[in-house]
């Protein structure tokens, strides 16, 4: 399962949600969905914009937690 640590990265950078949404060009509502872990996907362009705005790496925003949910289309892969 992928955990979202966007709130931690934002706090370290001293950036509020509304400001980040403006910087990366998404709505505050969509940022909230991502920040609260309700998003099912993220575009690389959005992840890149987040990292650029916060001065961080993708691993500062996303974290893999073993044993969590697996996407249905990935369960049969070796």
PDB file of N, CA and C in Angstrom:
ATOM      1  N   UNK A   1       0.852  -1.176   0.000  1.00  0.00           N
ATOM      2  CA  UNK A   1       0.000   0.000   0.000  1.00  0.00           C
ATOM      3  C   UNK A   1       0.896   1.237   0.000  1.00  0.00           C
ATOM      4  N   UNK A   2       0.494   2.244  -0.726  1.00  0.00           N
ATOM      5  CA  UNK A   2       1.222   3.504  -0.772  1.00  0.00           C
ATOM      6  C   UNK A   2       0.582   4.481   0.204  1.00  0.00           C
ATOM      7  N   UNK A   3       1.392   5.020   1.093  1.00  0.00           N
ATOM      8  CA  UNK A   3       0.947   6.037   2.051  1.00  0.00           C
ATOM      9  C   UNK A   3       1.392   7.401   1.535  1.00  0.00           C
ATOM     10  N   UNK A   4       0.591   8.401   1.768  1.00  0.00           N
ATOM     11  CA  UNK A   4       0.885   9.770   1.346  1.00  0.00           C
ATOM     12  C   UNK A   4       1.366  10.567   2.563  1.00  0.00           C
ATOM     13  N   UNK A   5       2.571  11.122   2.453  1.00  0.00           N
ATOM     14  CA  UNK A   5       3.139  11.947   3.521  1.00  0.00           C
ATOM     15  C   UNK A   5       3.232  13.406   3.086  1.00  0.00           C
ATOM     16  N   UNK A   6       2.288  13.829   2.268  1.00  0.00           N
ATOM     17  CA  UNK A   6       2.317  15.181   1.727  1.00  0.00           C
ATOM     18  C   UNK A   6       2.220  16.230   2.832  1.00  0.00           C
ATOM     19  N   UNK A   7       1.411  15.977   3.844  1.00  0.00           N
ATOM     20  CA  UNK A   7       1.275  16.949   4.932  1.00  0.00           C
ATOM     21  C   UNK A   7       2.596  17.155   5.664  1.00  0.00           C
ATOM     22  N   UNK A   8       3.385  16.091   5.816  1.00  0.00           N
ATOM     23  CA  UNK A   8       4.693  16.196   6.476  1.00  0.00           C
ATOM     24  C   UNK A   8       5.642  17.032   5.621  1.00  0.00           C
ATOM     25  N   UNK A   9       5.671  16.748   4.303  1.00  0.00           N
ATOM     26  CA  UNK A   9       6.536  17.499   3.389  1.00  0.00           C
ATOM     27  C   UNK A   9       6.132  18.974   3.352  1.00  0.00           C
ATOM     28  N   UNK A  10       4.832  19.237   3.384  1.00  0.00           N
ATOM     29  CA  UNK A  10       4.353  20.613   3.387  1.00  0.00           C
ATOM     30  C   UNK A  10       4.772  21.336   4.665  1.00  0.00           C
ATOM     31  N   UNK A  11       4.659  20.658   5.798  1.00  0.00           N
ATOM     32  CA  UNK A  11       5.040  21.266   7.077  1.00  0.00           C
ATOM     33  C   UNK A  11       6.532  21.584   7.103  1.00  0.00           C
ATOM     34  N   UNK A  12       7.351  20.658   6.602  1.00  0.00           N
ATOM     35  CA  UNK A  12       8.805  20.884   6.569  1.00  0.00           C
ATOM     36  C   UNK A  12       9.158  22.077   5.697  1.00  0.00           C
ATOM     37  N   UNK A  13       8.406  22.262   4.610  1.00  0.00           N
ATOM     38  CA  UNK A  13       8.667  23.376   3.693  1.00  0.00           C
ATOM     39  C   UNK A  13       7.972  24.656   4.131  1.00  0.00           C
ATOM     40  N   UNK A  14       7.088  24.568   5.127  1.00  0.00           N
ATOM     41  CA  UNK A  14       6.363  25.740   5.598  1.00  0.00           C
ATOM     42  C   UNK A  14       5.367  26.269   4.578  1.00  0.00           C
ATOM     43  N   UNK A  15       4.733  25.341   3.840  1.00  0.00           N
ATOM     44  CA  UNK A  15       3.793  25.711   2.788  1.00  0.00           C
ATOM     45  C   UNK A  15       2.400  25.243   3.177  1.00  0.00           C
ATOM     46  N   UNK A  16       1.434  26.123   3.066  1.00  0.00           N
ATOM     47  CA  UNK A  16       0.040  25.784   3.368  1.00  0.00           C
ATOM     48  C   UNK A  16      -0.625  25.192   2.134  1.00  0.00           C
ATOM     49  N   UNK A  17      -1.730  24.502   2.340  1.00  0.00           N
ATOM     50  CA  UNK A  17      -2.414  23.781   1.266  1.00  0.00           C
ATOM     51  C   UNK A  17      -2.848  24.696   0.128  1.00  0.00           C
ATOM     52  N   UNK A  18      -3.466  25.823   0.445  1.00  0.00           N
ATOM     53  CA  UNK A  18      -3.919  26.735  -0.600  1.00  0.00           C
ATOM     54  C   UNK A  18      -2.774  27.270  -1.441  1.00  0.00           C
ATOM     55  N   UNK A  19      -1.675  27.575  -0.778  1.00  0.00           N
ATOM     56  CA  UNK A  19      -0.492  28.071  -1.484  1.00  0.00           C
ATOM     57  C   UNK A  19       0.086  26.996  -2.403  1.00  0.00           C
ATOM     58  N   UNK A  20       0.170  25.756  -1.910  1.00  0.00           N
ATOM     59  CA  UNK A  20       0.700  24.668  -2.730  1.00  0.00           C
ATOM     60  C   UNK A  20      -0.205  24.407  -3.925  1.00  0.00           C
ATOM     61  N   UNK A  21      -1.504  24.396  -3.709  1.00  0.00           N
ATOM     62  CA  UNK A  21      -2.449  24.180  -4.806  1.00  0.00           C
ATOM     63  C   UNK A  21      -2.247  25.235  -5.898  1.00  0.00           C
ATOM     64  N   UNK A  22      -2.081  26.495  -5.499  1.00  0.00           N
ATOM     65  CA  UNK A  22      -1.840  27.564  -6.474  1.00  0.00           C
ATOM     66  C   UNK A  22      -0.531  27.354  -7.211  1.00  0.00           C
ATOM     67  N   UNK A  23       0.518  26.981  -6.485  1.00  0.00           N
ATOM     68  CA  UNK A  23       1.840  26.795  -7.092  1.00  0.00           C
ATOM     69  C   UNK A  23       1.856  25.675  -8.118  1.00  0.00           C
ATOM     70  N   UNK A  24       1.123  24.598  -7.852  1.00  0.00           N
ATOM     71  CA  UNK A  24       1.192  23.435  -8.747  1.00  0.00           C
ATOM     72  C   UNK A  24       0.039  23.369  -9.742  1.00  0.00           C
ATOM     73  N   UNK A  25      -0.918  24.286  -9.616  1.00  0.00           N
ATOM     74  CA  UNK A  25      -1.981  24.382 -10.595  1.00  0.00           C
ATOM     75  C   UNK A  25      -3.079  23.342 -10.476  1.00  0.00           C
ATOM     76  N   UNK A  26      -3.419  22.954  -9.245  1.00  0.00           N
ATOM     77  CA  UNK A  26      -4.579  22.083  -9.042  1.00  0.00           C
ATOM     78  C   UNK A  26      -5.515  22.752  -8.040  1.00  0.00           C
ATOM     79  N   UNK A  27      -6.730  22.260  -7.981  1.00  0.00           N
ATOM     80  CA  UNK A  27      -7.692  22.854  -7.056  1.00  0.00           C
ATOM     81  C   UNK A  27      -7.357  22.448  -5.620  1.00  0.00           C
ATOM     82  N   UNK A  28      -7.717  23.275  -4.662  1.00  0.00           N
ATOM     83  CA  UNK A  28      -7.522  22.894  -3.261  1.00  0.00           C
ATOM     84  C   UNK A  28      -8.251  21.594  -2.911  1.00  0.00           C
ATOM     85  N   UNK A  29      -9.391  21.351  -3.544  1.00  0.00           N
ATOM     86  CA  UNK A  29     -10.139  20.120  -3.282  1.00  0.00           C
ATOM     87  C   UNK A  29      -9.348  18.899  -3.751  1.00  0.00           C
ATOM     88  N   UNK A  30      -8.743  18.982  -4.949  1.00  0.00           N
ATOM     89  CA  UNK A  30      -7.947  17.858  -5.445  1.00  0.00           C
ATOM     90  C   UNK A  30      -6.700  17.647  -4.605  1.00  0.00           C
ATOM     91  N   UNK A  31      -6.106  18.727  -4.134  1.00  0.00           N
ATOM     92  CA  UNK A  31      -4.947  18.598  -3.246  1.00  0.00           C
ATOM     93  C   UNK A  31      -5.368  17.924  -1.945  1.00  0.00           C
ATOM     94  N   UNK A  32      -6.529  18.253  -1.435  1.00  0.00           N
ATOM     95  CA  UNK A  32      -7.043  17.638  -0.215  1.00  0.00           C
ATOM     96  C   UNK A  32      -7.254  16.138  -0.399  1.00  0.00           C
ATOM     97  N   UNK A  33      -7.794  15.750  -1.543  1.00  0.00           N
ATOM     98  CA  UNK A  33      -7.990  14.322  -1.836  1.00  0.00           C
ATOM     99  C   UNK A  33      -6.649  13.598  -1.825  1.00  0.00           C
ATOM    100  N   UNK A  34      -5.649  14.202  -2.439  1.00  0.00           N
ATOM    101  CA  UNK A  34      -4.314  13.604  -2.464  1.00  0.00           C
ATOM    102  C   UNK A  34      -3.700  13.574  -1.071  1.00  0.00           C
ATOM    103  N   UNK A  35      -3.770  14.685  -0.381  1.00  0.00           N
ATOM    104  CA  UNK A  35      -3.166  14.818   0.949  1.00  0.00           C
ATOM    105  C   UNK A  35      -3.766  13.858   1.962  1.00  0.00           C
ATOM    106  N   UNK A  36      -5.052  13.578   1.851  1.00  0.00           N
ATOM    107  CA  UNK A  36      -5.734  12.712   2.803  1.00  0.00           C
ATOM    108  C   UNK A  36      -5.715  11.243   2.410  1.00  0.00           C
ATOM    109  N   UNK A  37      -4.977  10.912   1.334  1.00  0.00           N
ATOM    110  CA  UNK A  37      -4.807   9.521   0.943  1.00  0.00           C
ATOM    111  C   UNK A  37      -6.006   8.914   0.242  1.00  0.00           C
ATOM    112  N   UNK A  38      -6.912   9.745  -0.266  1.00  0.00           N
ATOM    113  CA  UNK A  38      -8.104   9.224  -0.950  1.00  0.00           C
ATOM    114  C   UNK A  38      -7.920   9.118  -2.456  1.00  0.00           C
ATOM    115  N   UNK A  39      -6.791   9.609  -2.980  1.00  0.00           N
ATOM    116  CA  UNK A  39      -6.542   9.558  -4.418  1.00  0.00           C
ATOM    117  C   UNK A  39      -6.191   8.135  -4.831  1.00  0.00           C
ATOM    118  N   UNK A  40      -6.646   7.729  -6.003  1.00  0.00           N
ATOM    119  CA  UNK A  40      -6.339   6.411  -6.531  1.00  0.00           C
ATOM    120  C   UNK A  40      -5.107   6.441  -7.423  1.00  0.00           C
ATOM    121  N   UNK A  41      -4.707   7.631  -7.858  1.00  0.00           N
ATOM    122  CA  UNK A  41      -3.552   7.780  -8.748  1.00  0.00           C
ATOM    123  C   UNK A  41      -3.020   9.206  -8.637  1.00  0.00           C
ATOM    124  N   UNK A  42      -1.785   9.378  -9.099  1.00  0.00           N
ATOM    125  CA  UNK A  42      -1.198  10.714  -9.203  1.00  0.00           C
ATOM    126  C   UNK A  42      -0.388  10.752 -10.489  1.00  0.00           C
ATOM    127  N   UNK A  43      -0.508  11.819 -11.228  1.00  0.00           N
ATOM    128  CA  UNK A  43       0.279  11.985 -12.450  1.00  0.00           C
ATOM    129  C   UNK A  43       1.712  12.330 -12.076  1.00  0.00           C
ATOM    130  N   UNK A  44       2.639  11.848 -12.891  1.00  0.00           N
ATOM    131  CA  UNK A  44       4.044  12.191 -12.652  1.00  0.00           C
ATOM    132  C   UNK A  44       4.249  13.691 -12.746  1.00  0.00           C
ATOM    133  N   UNK A  45       3.512  14.364 -13.614  1.00  0.00           N
ATOM    134  CA  UNK A  45       3.667  15.814 -13.736  1.00  0.00           C
ATOM    135  C   UNK A  45       3.227  16.517 -12.446  1.00  0.00           C
ATOM    136  N   UNK A  46       2.181  15.999 -11.795  1.00  0.00           N
ATOM    137  CA  UNK A  46       1.732  16.572 -10.524  1.00  0.00           C
ATOM    138  C   UNK A  46       2.746  16.289  -9.423  1.00  0.00           C
ATOM    139  N   UNK A  47       3.252  15.068  -9.379  1.00  0.00           N
ATOM    140  CA  UNK A  47       4.267  14.715  -8.378  1.00  0.00           C
ATOM    141  C   UNK A  47       5.515  15.566  -8.567  1.00  0.00           C
ATOM    142  N   UNK A  48       5.913  15.751  -9.810  1.00  0.00           N
ATOM    143  CA  UNK A  48       7.076  16.584 -10.111  1.00  0.00           C
ATOM    144  C   UNK A  48       6.855  18.025  -9.666  1.00  0.00           C
ATOM    145  N   UNK A  49       5.661  18.557  -9.925  1.00  0.00           N
ATOM    146  CA  UNK A  49       5.341  19.927  -9.514  1.00  0.00           C
ATOM    147  C   UNK A  49       5.345  20.063  -7.991  1.00  0.00           C
ATOM    148  N   UNK A  50       4.827  19.050  -7.291  1.00  0.00           N
ATOM    149  CA  UNK A  50       4.835  19.062  -5.827  1.00  0.00           C
ATOM    150  C   UNK A  50       6.266  19.084  -5.311  1.00  0.00           C
ATOM    151  N   UNK A  51       7.105  18.203  -5.849  1.00  0.00           N
ATOM    152  CA  UNK A  51       8.500  18.132  -5.407  1.00  0.00           C
ATOM    153  C   UNK A  51       9.238  19.433  -5.703  1.00  0.00           C
ATOM    154  N   UNK A  52       8.971  20.029  -6.855  1.00  0.00           N
ATOM    155  CA  UNK A  52       9.595  21.297  -7.210  1.00  0.00           C
ATOM    156  C   UNK A  52       9.152  22.402  -6.251  1.00  0.00           C
ATOM    157  N   UNK A  53       7.861  22.457  -5.957  1.00  0.00           N
ATOM    158  CA  UNK A  53       7.327  23.508  -5.084  1.00  0.00           C
ATOM    159  C   UNK A  53       7.796  23.361  -3.640  1.00  0.00           C
ATOM    160  N   UNK A  54       7.973  22.118  -3.195  1.00  0.00           N
ATOM    161  CA  UNK A  54       8.351  21.878  -1.796  1.00  0.00           C
ATOM    162  C   UNK A  54       9.849  21.656  -1.615  1.00  0.00           C
ATOM    163  N   UNK A  55      10.579  21.533  -2.715  1.00  0.00           N
ATOM    164  CA  UNK A  55      12.019  21.280  -2.629  1.00  0.00           C
ATOM    165  C   UNK A  55      12.303  19.917  -2.016  1.00  0.00           C
ATOM    166  N   UNK A  56      11.542  18.913  -2.443  1.00  0.00           N
ATOM    167  CA  UNK A  56      11.695  17.583  -1.866  1.00  0.00           C
ATOM    168  C   UNK A  56      11.810  16.530  -2.961  1.00  0.00           C
ATOM    169  N   UNK A  57      11.926  15.275  -2.569  1.00  0.00           N
ATOM    170  CA  UNK A  57      11.997  14.140  -3.469  1.00  0.00           C
ATOM    171  C   UNK A  57      10.677  13.371  -3.402  1.00  0.00           C
ATOM    172  N   UNK A  58      10.342  12.567  -4.442  1.00  0.00           N
ATOM    173  CA  UNK A  58       9.104  11.784  -4.405  1.00  0.00           C
ATOM    174  C   UNK A  58       8.989  10.898  -3.157  1.00  0.00           C
ATOM    175  N   UNK A  59      10.091  10.382  -2.669  1.00  0.00           N
ATOM    176  CA  UNK A  59      10.074   9.552  -1.467  1.00  0.00           C
ATOM    177  C   UNK A  59       9.723  10.316  -0.199  1.00  0.00           C
ATOM    178  N   UNK A  60       9.776  11.636  -0.270  1.00  0.00           N
ATOM    179  CA  UNK A  60       9.349  12.456   0.868  1.00  0.00           C
ATOM    180  C   UNK A  60       7.834  12.604   0.897  1.00  0.00           C
ATOM    181  N   UNK A  61       7.197  12.311  -0.235  1.00  0.00           N
ATOM    182  CA  UNK A  61       5.754  12.483  -0.381  1.00  0.00           C
ATOM    183  C   UNK A  61       5.023  11.142  -0.374  1.00  0.00           C
ATOM    184  N   UNK A  62       5.641  10.114  -0.960  1.00  0.00           N
ATOM    185  CA  UNK A  62       5.041   8.783  -1.076  1.00  0.00           C
ATOM    186  C   UNK A  62       5.876   7.767  -0.317  1.00  0.00           C
ATOM    187  N   UNK A  63       5.202   6.823   0.325  1.00  0.00           N
ATOM    188  CA  UNK A  63       5.900   5.793   1.106  1.00  0.00           C
ATOM    189  C   UNK A  63       5.180   4.466   0.913  1.00  0.00           C
ATOM    190  N   UNK A  64       5.940   3.398   0.639  1.00  0.00           N
ATOM    191  CA  UNK A  64       5.367   2.062   0.492  1.00  0.00           C
ATOM    192  C   UNK A  64       5.294   1.381   1.853  1.00  0.00           C
ATOM    193  N   UNK A  65       4.129   0.820   2.172  1.00  0.00           N
ATOM    194  CA  UNK A  65       3.925   0.084   3.414  1.00  0.00           C
ATOM    195  C   UNK A  65       3.564  -1.357   3.040  1.00  0.00           C
ATOM    196  N   UNK A  66       4.434  -2.333   3.324  1.00  0.00           N
ATOM    197  CA  UNK A  66       4.135  -3.717   2.966  1.00  0.00           C
ATOM    198  C   UNK A  66       2.869  -4.220   3.657  1.00  0.00           C
ATOM    199  N   UNK A  67       2.185  -5.137   2.969  1.00  0.00           N
ATOM    200  CA  UNK A  67       1.027  -5.785   3.568  1.00  0.00           C
ATOM    201  C   UNK A  67      -0.269  -5.033   3.413  1.00  0.00           C
ATOM    202  N   UNK A  68      -0.242  -3.928   2.710  1.00  0.00           N
ATOM    203  CA  UNK A  68      -1.469  -3.169   2.514  1.00  0.00           C
ATOM    204  C   UNK A  68      -2.255  -3.698   1.338  1.00  0.00           C
ATOM    205  N   UNK A  69      -3.231  -2.928   0.932  1.00  0.00           N
ATOM    206  CA  UNK A  69      -4.081  -3.296  -0.200  1.00  0.00           C
ATOM    207  C   UNK A  69      -3.267  -3.338  -1.488  1.00  0.00           C
ATOM    208  N   UNK A  70      -3.637  -4.251  -2.383  1.00  0.00           N
ATOM    209  CA  UNK A  70      -3.022  -4.352  -3.701  1.00  0.00           C
ATOM    210  C   UNK A  70      -4.083  -4.031  -4.736  1.00  0.00           C
ATOM    211  N   UNK A  71      -3.694  -3.280  -5.756  1.00  0.00           N
ATOM    212  CA  UNK A  71      -4.636  -2.963  -6.830  1.00  0.00           C
ATOM    213  C   UNK A  71      -5.084  -4.254  -7.497  1.00  0.00           C
ATOM    214  N   UNK A  72      -6.358  -4.375  -7.846  1.00  0.00           N
ATOM    215  CA  UNK A  72      -6.881  -5.610  -8.434  1.00  0.00           C
ATOM    216  C   UNK A  72      -6.125  -6.075  -9.662  1.00  0.00           C
ATOM    217  N   UNK A  73      -5.659  -5.150 -10.504  1.00  0.00           N
ATOM    218  CA  UNK A  73      -4.961  -5.543 -11.709  1.00  0.00           C
ATOM    219  C   UNK A  73      -3.516  -5.962 -11.464  1.00  0.00           C
ATOM    220  N   UNK A  74      -3.020  -5.859 -10.238  1.00  0.00           N
ATOM    221  CA  UNK A  74      -1.655  -6.214  -9.913  1.00  0.00           C
ATOM    222  C   UNK A  74      -1.540  -7.529  -9.138  1.00  0.00           C
ATOM    223  N   UNK A  75      -2.638  -8.099  -8.714  1.00  0.00           N
ATOM    224  CA  UNK A  75      -2.607  -9.269  -7.843  1.00  0.00           C
ATOM    225  C   UNK A  75      -2.019 -10.514  -8.509  1.00  0.00           C
ATOM    226  N   UNK A  76      -2.192 -10.674  -9.823  1.00  0.00           N
ATOM    227  CA  UNK A  76      -1.730 -11.872 -10.498  1.00  0.00           C
ATOM    228  C   UNK A  76      -0.340 -11.751 -11.083  1.00  0.00           C
ATOM    229  N   UNK A  77       0.289 -10.601 -10.940  1.00  0.00           N
ATOM    230  CA  UNK A  77       1.623 -10.430 -11.491  1.00  0.00           C
ATOM    231  C   UNK A  77       2.633 -11.170 -10.643  1.00  0.00           C
ATOM    232  N   UNK A  78       3.680 -11.735 -11.289  1.00  0.00           N
ATOM    233  CA  UNK A  78       4.705 -12.484 -10.543  1.00  0.00           C
ATOM    234  C   UNK A  78       5.546 -11.595  -9.685  1.00  0.00           C
TER     235      UNK A  78
END
